[in-house]
Amino acid sequence: MQSKAITPEEAVKIIREAGCSDEVLAHVAAVRELAMRIAKKAQENGHKVDKNLVELGSILHDIGRSKTHGIDHAVEGAKVARRLGLPDEIVNIIERHVGAGIPKEDAVKIGLPPKDYIPRTLEEKIVAHADNMIGGSKREPIAKTVSKLRKKGLEDAARRMEALHRELNEICGMDLDLI
């Protein structure tokens, strides 16, 4: 299937028509706004960022929540995006946005298809981390999100999230909790 280019307005229509709730729509709007601020800061600090991809990926990252609210919403979302003929770059953002990513070994343990779900590109990392910093539709300090992971016994996931925060802080030249 040929990948198709879409506009942000079309992306909003796609996630709405997929059946995502108003709460999910409010969440993706907040993630979009924060992700675009992070992308702009990274760009201002000399990094090449596809801001259009960040915007589309942040709008569509939770399309899988139209099917499930479990950890597998990223995998389900990637399936929906592929069926819709969305570009691989958007599919990858959707599939790799959970936390700071899920390594293959952990994916197998929690019943996901055996592969790495770690964000690789700067755009994937920006969307994943903006998502980490939004609880519902409100900003949360990254320490709060990390603390929630630790309370669930997910130390490796907490460390990955802290490392992603440090990496993006360096790229942006500032503490993203203050952006």
N, C-alpha and C. Protein backbone atom coordinates (compact mmCIF):
# COMPACT_ATOMS: atom_id res chain seq x y z
N MET A 1 0.85 -1.19 0.00
CA MET A 1 0.00 0.00 0.00
C MET A 1 0.89 1.24 0.00
N GLN A 2 0.54 2.20 -0.81
CA GLN A 2 1.28 3.46 -0.91
C GLN A 2 1.05 4.30 0.35
N SER A 3 2.14 4.79 0.94
CA SER A 3 2.01 5.69 2.09
C SER A 3 1.47 7.02 1.61
N LYS A 4 0.64 7.63 2.45
CA LYS A 4 0.08 8.92 2.04
C LYS A 4 0.48 10.02 3.00
N ALA A 5 0.74 11.18 2.44
CA ALA A 5 1.04 12.35 3.26
C ALA A 5 -0.27 12.91 3.79
N ILE A 6 -0.27 13.35 5.03
CA ILE A 6 -1.48 13.91 5.63
C ILE A 6 -1.14 15.22 6.33
N THR A 7 -2.17 16.01 6.55
CA THR A 7 -2.02 17.27 7.28
C THR A 7 -2.36 17.03 8.76
N PRO A 8 -1.98 17.95 9.65
CA PRO A 8 -2.38 17.81 11.05
C PRO A 8 -3.91 17.74 11.21
N GLU A 9 -4.63 18.51 10.40
CA GLU A 9 -6.10 18.49 10.49
C GLU A 9 -6.64 17.11 10.10
N GLU A 10 -6.04 16.50 9.08
CA GLU A 10 -6.46 15.15 8.68
C GLU A 10 -6.10 14.14 9.77
N ALA A 11 -4.96 14.32 10.43
CA ALA A 11 -4.57 13.42 11.51
C ALA A 11 -5.58 13.47 12.66
N VAL A 12 -6.03 14.67 13.01
CA VAL A 12 -7.04 14.82 14.06
C VAL A 12 -8.32 14.10 13.64
N LYS A 13 -8.71 14.26 12.39
CA LYS A 13 -9.92 13.60 11.87
C LYS A 13 -9.75 12.07 11.93
N ILE A 14 -8.57 11.58 11.58
CA ILE A 14 -8.30 10.14 11.59
C ILE A 14 -8.44 9.57 13.00
N ILE A 15 -7.84 10.22 14.00
CA ILE A 15 -7.89 9.67 15.36
C ILE A 15 -9.31 9.76 15.92
N ARG A 16 -10.02 10.82 15.56
CA ARG A 16 -11.41 10.97 16.00
C ARG A 16 -12.26 9.86 15.36
N GLU A 17 -12.11 9.66 14.05
CA GLU A 17 -12.92 8.65 13.35
C GLU A 17 -12.54 7.23 13.74
N ALA A 18 -11.33 7.04 14.27
CA ALA A 18 -10.93 5.71 14.75
C ALA A 18 -11.72 5.32 16.00
N GLY A 19 -12.31 6.32 16.67
CA GLY A 19 -13.13 6.04 17.83
C GLY A 19 -12.49 6.39 19.16
N CYS A 20 -11.45 7.19 19.15
CA CYS A 20 -10.82 7.60 20.41
C CYS A 20 -11.75 8.54 21.19
N SER A 21 -11.72 8.40 22.51
CA SER A 21 -12.58 9.19 23.39
C SER A 21 -12.15 10.65 23.43
N ASP A 22 -13.02 11.49 23.98
CA ASP A 22 -12.69 12.91 24.17
C ASP A 22 -11.47 13.06 25.07
N GLU A 23 -11.33 12.16 26.07
CA GLU A 23 -10.18 12.23 26.97
C GLU A 23 -8.88 11.96 26.21
N VAL A 24 -8.91 10.98 25.31
CA VAL A 24 -7.72 10.68 24.50
C VAL A 24 -7.42 11.86 23.58
N LEU A 25 -8.46 12.44 22.99
CA LEU A 25 -8.27 13.60 22.10
C LEU A 25 -7.65 14.78 22.87
N ALA A 26 -8.09 15.01 24.10
CA ALA A 26 -7.52 16.09 24.92
C ALA A 26 -6.06 15.77 25.26
N HIS A 27 -5.79 14.49 25.54
CA HIS A 27 -4.42 14.07 25.85
C HIS A 27 -3.50 14.29 24.65
N VAL A 28 -3.91 13.85 23.47
CA VAL A 28 -3.02 14.00 22.30
C VAL A 28 -2.83 15.47 21.94
N ALA A 29 -3.83 16.30 22.20
CA ALA A 29 -3.68 17.74 21.96
C ALA A 29 -2.60 18.32 22.88
N ALA A 30 -2.60 17.89 24.15
CA ALA A 30 -1.59 18.36 25.10
C ALA A 30 -0.20 17.84 24.73
N VAL A 31 -0.12 16.57 24.33
CA VAL A 31 1.16 15.99 23.91
C VAL A 31 1.67 16.71 22.67
N ARG A 32 0.77 16.99 21.73
CA ARG A 32 1.15 17.72 20.50
C ARG A 32 1.77 19.07 20.84
N GLU A 33 1.12 19.82 21.72
CA GLU A 33 1.61 21.15 22.07
C GLU A 33 3.00 21.07 22.71
N LEU A 34 3.18 20.14 23.63
CA LEU A 34 4.47 20.00 24.31
C LEU A 34 5.53 19.47 23.35
N ALA A 35 5.19 18.48 22.54
CA ALA A 35 6.16 17.92 21.59
C ALA A 35 6.65 18.98 20.61
N MET A 36 5.76 19.85 20.17
CA MET A 36 6.16 20.91 19.24
C MET A 36 7.09 21.91 19.92
N ARG A 37 6.87 22.17 21.20
CA ARG A 37 7.78 23.07 21.93
C ARG A 37 9.16 22.44 22.09
N ILE A 38 9.18 21.13 22.37
CA ILE A 38 10.46 20.43 22.49
C ILE A 38 11.18 20.42 21.14
N ALA A 39 10.45 20.12 20.07
CA ALA A 39 11.04 20.08 18.72
C ALA A 39 11.63 21.44 18.35
N LYS A 40 10.90 22.50 18.66
CA LYS A 40 11.36 23.86 18.36
C LYS A 40 12.65 24.16 19.13
N LYS A 41 12.68 23.78 20.40
CA LYS A 41 13.86 24.02 21.24
C LYS A 41 15.06 23.23 20.71
N ALA A 42 14.84 21.98 20.32
CA ALA A 42 15.93 21.15 19.77
C ALA A 42 16.48 21.79 18.49
N GLN A 43 15.56 22.27 17.66
CA GLN A 43 15.95 22.92 16.40
C GLN A 43 16.75 24.20 16.68
N GLU A 44 16.27 25.00 17.62
CA GLU A 44 16.97 26.23 17.99
C GLU A 44 18.37 25.94 18.54
N ASN A 45 18.54 24.74 19.09
CA ASN A 45 19.83 24.35 19.67
C ASN A 45 20.70 23.63 18.63
N GLY A 46 20.32 23.73 17.35
CA GLY A 46 21.17 23.22 16.27
C GLY A 46 20.90 21.82 15.80
N HIS A 47 19.80 21.21 16.22
CA HIS A 47 19.49 19.84 15.81
C HIS A 47 18.46 19.83 14.69
N LYS A 48 18.62 18.86 13.78
CA LYS A 48 17.68 18.72 12.66
C LYS A 48 16.47 17.91 13.16
N VAL A 49 15.30 18.50 13.06
CA VAL A 49 14.07 17.86 13.53
C VAL A 49 13.00 18.04 12.46
N ASP A 50 12.32 16.95 12.13
CA ASP A 50 11.18 17.04 11.21
C ASP A 50 9.95 17.40 12.06
N LYS A 51 9.68 18.69 12.17
CA LYS A 51 8.59 19.15 13.04
C LYS A 51 7.23 18.68 12.54
N ASN A 52 7.06 18.54 11.23
CA ASN A 52 5.80 18.02 10.70
C ASN A 52 5.58 16.58 11.18
N LEU A 53 6.63 15.77 11.16
CA LEU A 53 6.54 14.40 11.63
C LEU A 53 6.24 14.36 13.13
N VAL A 54 6.89 15.21 13.91
CA VAL A 54 6.61 15.29 15.35
C VAL A 54 5.14 15.63 15.57
N GLU A 55 4.63 16.59 14.82
CA GLU A 55 3.24 17.01 15.00
C GLU A 55 2.28 15.87 14.65
N LEU A 56 2.48 15.24 13.50
CA LEU A 56 1.58 14.15 13.09
C LEU A 56 1.69 12.97 14.05
N GLY A 57 2.92 12.62 14.43
CA GLY A 57 3.12 11.50 15.35
C GLY A 57 2.51 11.75 16.72
N SER A 58 2.60 12.99 17.19
CA SER A 58 2.03 13.29 18.51
C SER A 58 0.50 13.26 18.47
N ILE A 59 -0.08 13.66 17.36
CA ILE A 59 -1.54 13.60 17.22
C ILE A 59 -2.01 12.14 17.18
N LEU A 60 -1.27 11.30 16.47
CA LEU A 60 -1.71 9.92 16.22
C LEU A 60 -1.12 8.89 17.18
N HIS A 61 -0.24 9.28 18.11
CA HIS A 61 0.47 8.29 18.91
C HIS A 61 -0.45 7.36 19.69
N ASP A 62 -1.61 7.82 20.09
CA ASP A 62 -2.52 6.98 20.89
C ASP A 62 -3.72 6.48 20.10
N ILE A 63 -3.62 6.37 18.78
CA ILE A 63 -4.74 5.88 17.98
C ILE A 63 -5.14 4.46 18.40
N GLY A 64 -4.20 3.70 18.94
CA GLY A 64 -4.49 2.35 19.43
C GLY A 64 -5.43 2.32 20.61
N ARG A 65 -5.59 3.45 21.28
CA ARG A 65 -6.54 3.51 22.41
C ARG A 65 -7.99 3.45 21.92
N SER A 66 -8.18 3.48 20.61
CA SER A 66 -9.52 3.23 20.06
C SER A 66 -9.86 1.75 20.19
N LYS A 67 -8.84 0.90 20.40
CA LYS A 67 -9.03 -0.55 20.50
C LYS A 67 -8.80 -1.08 21.92
N THR A 68 -7.82 -0.52 22.62
CA THR A 68 -7.45 -1.01 23.94
C THR A 68 -6.74 0.09 24.73
N HIS A 69 -6.83 0.01 26.05
CA HIS A 69 -6.09 0.95 26.89
C HIS A 69 -4.94 0.25 27.60
N GLY A 70 -4.66 -1.00 27.18
CA GLY A 70 -3.54 -1.74 27.76
C GLY A 70 -2.22 -1.31 27.16
N ILE A 71 -1.15 -1.94 27.64
CA ILE A 71 0.20 -1.65 27.15
C ILE A 71 0.29 -1.92 25.65
N ASP A 72 -0.57 -2.81 25.16
CA ASP A 72 -0.55 -3.17 23.73
C ASP A 72 -1.20 -2.13 22.84
N HIS A 73 -1.63 -0.99 23.40
CA HIS A 73 -2.26 0.03 22.55
C HIS A 73 -1.30 0.56 21.49
N ALA A 74 0.00 0.52 21.78
CA ALA A 74 0.98 0.99 20.79
C ALA A 74 1.06 0.03 19.60
N VAL A 75 1.06 -1.27 19.89
CA VAL A 75 1.10 -2.27 18.82
C VAL A 75 -0.20 -2.22 18.02
N GLU A 76 -1.33 -2.13 18.71
CA GLU A 76 -2.63 -2.03 18.02
C GLU A 76 -2.71 -0.76 17.18
N GLY A 77 -2.19 0.34 17.72
CA GLY A 77 -2.19 1.60 16.99
C GLY A 77 -1.36 1.52 15.72
N ALA A 78 -0.21 0.84 15.81
CA ALA A 78 0.64 0.67 14.62
C ALA A 78 -0.10 -0.13 13.56
N LYS A 79 -0.86 -1.15 13.98
CA LYS A 79 -1.66 -1.94 13.01
C LYS A 79 -2.68 -1.05 12.32
N VAL A 80 -3.38 -0.24 13.09
CA VAL A 80 -4.39 0.67 12.52
C VAL A 80 -3.71 1.62 11.53
N ALA A 81 -2.59 2.19 11.92
CA ALA A 81 -1.87 3.14 11.07
C ALA A 81 -1.42 2.49 9.76
N ARG A 82 -0.93 1.24 9.85
CA ARG A 82 -0.51 0.53 8.63
C ARG A 82 -1.71 0.30 7.72
N ARG A 83 -2.83 -0.13 8.30
CA ARG A 83 -4.05 -0.37 7.49
C ARG A 83 -4.50 0.90 6.78
N LEU A 84 -4.29 2.05 7.43
CA LEU A 84 -4.68 3.33 6.85
C LEU A 84 -3.67 3.83 5.82
N GLY A 85 -2.55 3.11 5.68
CA GLY A 85 -1.54 3.50 4.71
C GLY A 85 -0.68 4.67 5.15
N LEU A 86 -0.59 4.88 6.46
CA LEU A 86 0.22 5.99 6.96
C LEU A 86 1.71 5.67 6.79
N PRO A 87 2.54 6.70 6.65
CA PRO A 87 3.98 6.48 6.44
C PRO A 87 4.63 5.71 7.59
N ASP A 88 5.65 4.93 7.24
CA ASP A 88 6.36 4.13 8.25
C ASP A 88 6.88 4.98 9.40
N GLU A 89 7.29 6.22 9.13
CA GLU A 89 7.82 7.09 10.18
C GLU A 89 6.76 7.38 11.24
N ILE A 90 5.52 7.49 10.83
CA ILE A 90 4.42 7.71 11.78
C ILE A 90 4.11 6.41 12.51
N VAL A 91 4.07 5.30 11.77
CA VAL A 91 3.82 3.98 12.37
C VAL A 91 4.86 3.73 13.47
N ASN A 92 6.12 4.03 13.20
CA ASN A 92 7.19 3.80 14.19
C ASN A 92 7.00 4.66 15.43
N ILE A 93 6.60 5.90 15.26
CA ILE A 93 6.34 6.75 16.44
C ILE A 93 5.24 6.12 17.29
N ILE A 94 4.17 5.67 16.66
CA ILE A 94 3.05 5.06 17.37
C ILE A 94 3.52 3.81 18.11
N GLU A 95 4.26 2.97 17.41
CA GLU A 95 4.66 1.67 17.96
C GLU A 95 5.70 1.79 19.08
N ARG A 96 6.49 2.85 19.06
CA ARG A 96 7.62 2.97 19.99
C ARG A 96 7.44 4.04 21.06
N HIS A 97 6.22 4.53 21.26
CA HIS A 97 6.05 5.70 22.14
C HIS A 97 5.85 5.38 23.62
N VAL A 98 5.69 4.13 23.99
CA VAL A 98 5.34 3.79 25.38
C VAL A 98 6.55 3.97 26.30
N GLY A 99 6.40 4.86 27.29
CA GLY A 99 7.48 5.15 28.23
C GLY A 99 8.68 5.68 27.47
N ALA A 100 9.83 5.07 27.75
CA ALA A 100 11.04 5.39 26.98
C ALA A 100 11.38 4.20 26.11
N GLY A 101 10.34 3.42 25.79
CA GLY A 101 10.51 2.25 24.94
C GLY A 101 10.51 0.97 25.74
N ILE A 102 10.29 -0.13 25.02
CA ILE A 102 10.25 -1.45 25.64
C ILE A 102 11.23 -2.35 24.87
N PRO A 103 12.28 -2.86 25.55
CA PRO A 103 13.19 -3.77 24.86
C PRO A 103 12.51 -5.10 24.54
N LYS A 104 13.05 -5.80 23.56
CA LYS A 104 12.47 -7.06 23.08
C LYS A 104 12.21 -8.05 24.23
N GLU A 105 13.20 -8.22 25.12
CA GLU A 105 13.05 -9.20 26.21
C GLU A 105 11.83 -8.87 27.08
N ASP A 106 11.65 -7.59 27.39
CA ASP A 106 10.51 -7.16 28.20
C ASP A 106 9.21 -7.29 27.42
N ALA A 107 9.26 -7.00 26.12
CA ALA A 107 8.07 -7.10 25.27
C ALA A 107 7.53 -8.53 25.31
N VAL A 108 8.43 -9.50 25.18
CA VAL A 108 8.03 -10.91 25.20
C VAL A 108 7.37 -11.26 26.54
N LYS A 109 7.97 -10.77 27.64
CA LYS A 109 7.44 -11.07 28.99
C LYS A 109 6.02 -10.53 29.19
N ILE A 110 5.68 -9.42 28.53
CA ILE A 110 4.35 -8.83 28.74
C ILE A 110 3.38 -9.16 27.61
N GLY A 111 3.79 -10.09 26.73
CA GLY A 111 2.87 -10.59 25.72
C GLY A 111 2.81 -9.79 24.42
N LEU A 112 3.77 -8.91 24.19
CA LEU A 112 3.81 -8.18 22.93
C LEU A 112 4.60 -8.99 21.90
N PRO A 113 4.38 -8.75 20.62
CA PRO A 113 5.19 -9.43 19.60
C PRO A 113 6.68 -9.18 19.88
N PRO A 114 7.51 -10.22 19.67
CA PRO A 114 8.93 -10.12 20.03
C PRO A 114 9.74 -9.20 19.13
N LYS A 115 9.88 -7.96 19.56
CA LYS A 115 10.74 -6.99 18.87
C LYS A 115 11.02 -5.85 19.81
N ASP A 116 12.00 -5.02 19.44
CA ASP A 116 12.32 -3.83 20.23
C ASP A 116 11.30 -2.73 19.93
N TYR A 117 10.82 -2.09 20.98
CA TYR A 117 9.90 -0.96 20.85
C TYR A 117 10.56 0.29 21.44
N ILE A 118 11.83 0.45 21.17
CA ILE A 118 12.61 1.57 21.70
C ILE A 118 12.61 2.71 20.68
N PRO A 119 12.26 3.93 21.10
CA PRO A 119 12.33 5.05 20.14
C PRO A 119 13.77 5.28 19.69
N ARG A 120 13.96 5.41 18.37
CA ARG A 120 15.32 5.53 17.82
C ARG A 120 15.60 6.93 17.29
N THR A 121 14.68 7.46 16.51
CA THR A 121 14.93 8.77 15.89
C THR A 121 14.62 9.88 16.89
N LEU A 122 15.14 11.06 16.61
CA LEU A 122 14.86 12.19 17.49
C LEU A 122 13.36 12.46 17.55
N GLU A 123 12.68 12.35 16.42
CA GLU A 123 11.23 12.59 16.40
C GLU A 123 10.49 11.58 17.27
N GLU A 124 10.89 10.30 17.20
CA GLU A 124 10.27 9.26 18.04
C GLU A 124 10.51 9.56 19.52
N LYS A 125 11.73 9.97 19.85
CA LYS A 125 12.07 10.28 21.25
C LYS A 125 11.28 11.48 21.77
N ILE A 126 11.13 12.49 20.93
CA ILE A 126 10.39 13.69 21.35
C ILE A 126 8.94 13.35 21.66
N VAL A 127 8.29 12.60 20.77
CA VAL A 127 6.87 12.25 21.01
C VAL A 127 6.74 11.37 22.24
N ALA A 128 7.60 10.36 22.36
CA ALA A 128 7.52 9.47 23.52
C ALA A 128 7.69 10.26 24.82
N HIS A 129 8.65 11.17 24.83
CA HIS A 129 8.92 11.88 26.08
C HIS A 129 7.86 12.94 26.38
N ALA A 130 7.35 13.59 25.36
CA ALA A 130 6.24 14.53 25.59
C ALA A 130 5.06 13.76 26.20
N ASP A 131 4.81 12.55 25.71
CA ASP A 131 3.76 11.70 26.25
C ASP A 131 4.05 11.37 27.72
N ASN A 132 5.31 11.11 28.05
CA ASN A 132 5.69 10.81 29.44
C ASN A 132 5.42 11.99 30.37
N MET A 133 5.45 13.19 29.81
CA MET A 133 5.33 14.41 30.62
C MET A 133 3.90 14.93 30.72
N ILE A 134 2.96 14.21 30.10
CA ILE A 134 1.55 14.61 30.15
C ILE A 134 0.76 13.49 30.82
N GLY A 135 0.11 13.81 31.93
CA GLY A 135 -0.79 12.87 32.60
C GLY A 135 -2.21 13.31 32.32
N GLY A 136 -2.96 12.51 31.58
CA GLY A 136 -4.27 12.96 31.10
C GLY A 136 -4.02 14.06 30.09
N SER A 137 -4.42 15.28 30.44
CA SER A 137 -4.11 16.41 29.56
C SER A 137 -3.31 17.49 30.29
N LYS A 138 -2.70 17.10 31.43
CA LYS A 138 -1.96 18.05 32.26
C LYS A 138 -0.47 17.70 32.30
N ARG A 139 0.36 18.74 32.39
CA ARG A 139 1.81 18.55 32.53
C ARG A 139 2.12 17.94 33.88
N GLU A 140 3.09 17.03 33.89
CA GLU A 140 3.60 16.44 35.13
C GLU A 140 5.12 16.48 35.09
N PRO A 141 5.76 16.75 36.22
CA PRO A 141 7.22 16.66 36.24
C PRO A 141 7.63 15.21 35.94
N ILE A 142 8.73 15.04 35.25
CA ILE A 142 9.15 13.69 34.87
C ILE A 142 9.40 12.84 36.11
N ALA A 143 9.82 13.44 37.21
CA ALA A 143 10.06 12.69 38.45
C ALA A 143 8.79 11.99 38.93
N LYS A 144 7.63 12.60 38.71
CA LYS A 144 6.36 11.99 39.11
C LYS A 144 6.08 10.74 38.28
N THR A 145 6.31 10.82 36.98
CA THR A 145 6.09 9.67 36.10
C THR A 145 7.07 8.56 36.44
N VAL A 146 8.32 8.92 36.67
CA VAL A 146 9.35 7.95 37.04
C VAL A 146 8.99 7.28 38.36
N SER A 147 8.51 8.05 39.31
CA SER A 147 8.11 7.51 40.61
C SER A 147 6.98 6.48 40.47
N LYS A 148 6.03 6.76 39.58
CA LYS A 148 4.94 5.80 39.33
C LYS A 148 5.49 4.47 38.81
N LEU A 149 6.48 4.54 37.92
CA LEU A 149 7.09 3.32 37.39
C LEU A 149 7.79 2.54 38.51
N ARG A 150 8.51 3.26 39.36
CA ARG A 150 9.23 2.59 40.45
C ARG A 150 8.26 1.94 41.43
N LYS A 151 7.13 2.59 41.70
CA LYS A 151 6.13 2.02 42.62
C LYS A 151 5.55 0.73 42.06
N LYS A 152 5.56 0.60 40.72
CA LYS A 152 5.08 -0.63 40.08
C LYS A 152 6.19 -1.67 39.94
N GLY A 153 7.38 -1.36 40.45
CA GLY A 153 8.51 -2.29 40.36
C GLY A 153 9.19 -2.29 39.00
N LEU A 154 9.00 -1.24 38.23
CA LEU A 154 9.55 -1.16 36.87
C LEU A 154 10.82 -0.30 36.85
N GLU A 155 11.82 -0.76 37.58
CA GLU A 155 13.07 0.00 37.73
C GLU A 155 13.77 0.24 36.40
N ASP A 156 13.85 -0.78 35.55
CA ASP A 156 14.53 -0.60 34.26
C ASP A 156 13.81 0.44 33.41
N ALA A 157 12.49 0.40 33.41
CA ALA A 157 11.70 1.38 32.64
C ALA A 157 11.92 2.79 33.21
N ALA A 158 12.00 2.89 34.54
CA ALA A 158 12.24 4.19 35.18
C ALA A 158 13.61 4.74 34.78
N ARG A 159 14.61 3.87 34.77
CA ARG A 159 15.97 4.31 34.37
C ARG A 159 16.00 4.74 32.91
N ARG A 160 15.31 3.99 32.04
CA ARG A 160 15.26 4.38 30.61
C ARG A 160 14.61 5.75 30.45
N MET A 161 13.55 5.99 31.23
CA MET A 161 12.86 7.28 31.14
C MET A 161 13.75 8.41 31.63
N GLU A 162 14.46 8.19 32.72
CA GLU A 162 15.39 9.21 33.22
C GLU A 162 16.49 9.48 32.19
N ALA A 163 17.00 8.42 31.55
CA ALA A 163 18.05 8.58 30.55
C ALA A 163 17.53 9.36 29.34
N LEU A 164 16.30 9.07 28.92
CA LEU A 164 15.71 9.80 27.79
C LEU A 164 15.54 11.28 28.16
N HIS A 165 15.12 11.53 29.39
CA HIS A 165 14.97 12.92 29.85
C HIS A 165 16.31 13.65 29.79
N ARG A 166 17.36 13.00 30.29
CA ARG A 166 18.70 13.62 30.25
C ARG A 166 19.16 13.86 28.81
N GLU A 167 18.93 12.88 27.94
CA GLU A 167 19.34 13.01 26.53
C GLU A 167 18.64 14.19 25.86
N LEU A 168 17.34 14.30 26.06
CA LEU A 168 16.59 15.39 25.43
C LEU A 168 16.90 16.74 26.09
N ASN A 169 17.18 16.74 27.39
CA ASN A 169 17.63 17.97 28.05
C ASN A 169 18.90 18.48 27.37
N GLU A 170 19.83 17.57 27.12
CA GLU A 170 21.10 17.92 26.47
C GLU A 170 20.85 18.45 25.06
N ILE A 171 20.01 17.77 24.31
CA ILE A 171 19.70 18.18 22.93
C ILE A 171 19.05 19.57 22.91
N CYS A 172 18.18 19.82 23.87
CA CYS A 172 17.45 21.09 23.91
C CYS A 172 18.20 22.19 24.66
N GLY A 173 19.23 21.81 25.39
CA GLY A 173 20.00 22.80 26.13
C GLY A 173 19.26 23.36 27.33
N MET A 174 18.36 22.55 27.89
CA MET A 174 17.60 22.99 29.07
C MET A 174 16.91 21.80 29.73
N ASP A 175 16.46 21.98 30.96
CA ASP A 175 15.66 20.97 31.65
C ASP A 175 14.24 21.05 31.10
N LEU A 176 13.80 19.98 30.45
CA LEU A 176 12.48 19.99 29.82
C LEU A 176 11.33 20.10 30.82
N ASP A 177 11.59 19.85 32.09
CA ASP A 177 10.54 20.10 33.09
C ASP A 177 10.20 21.59 33.14
N LEU A 178 11.10 22.43 32.63
CA LEU A 178 10.90 23.88 32.69
C LEU A 178 10.43 24.48 31.36
N ILE A 179 10.26 23.66 30.35
CA ILE A 179 9.90 24.19 29.03
C ILE A 179 8.47 24.70 29.00
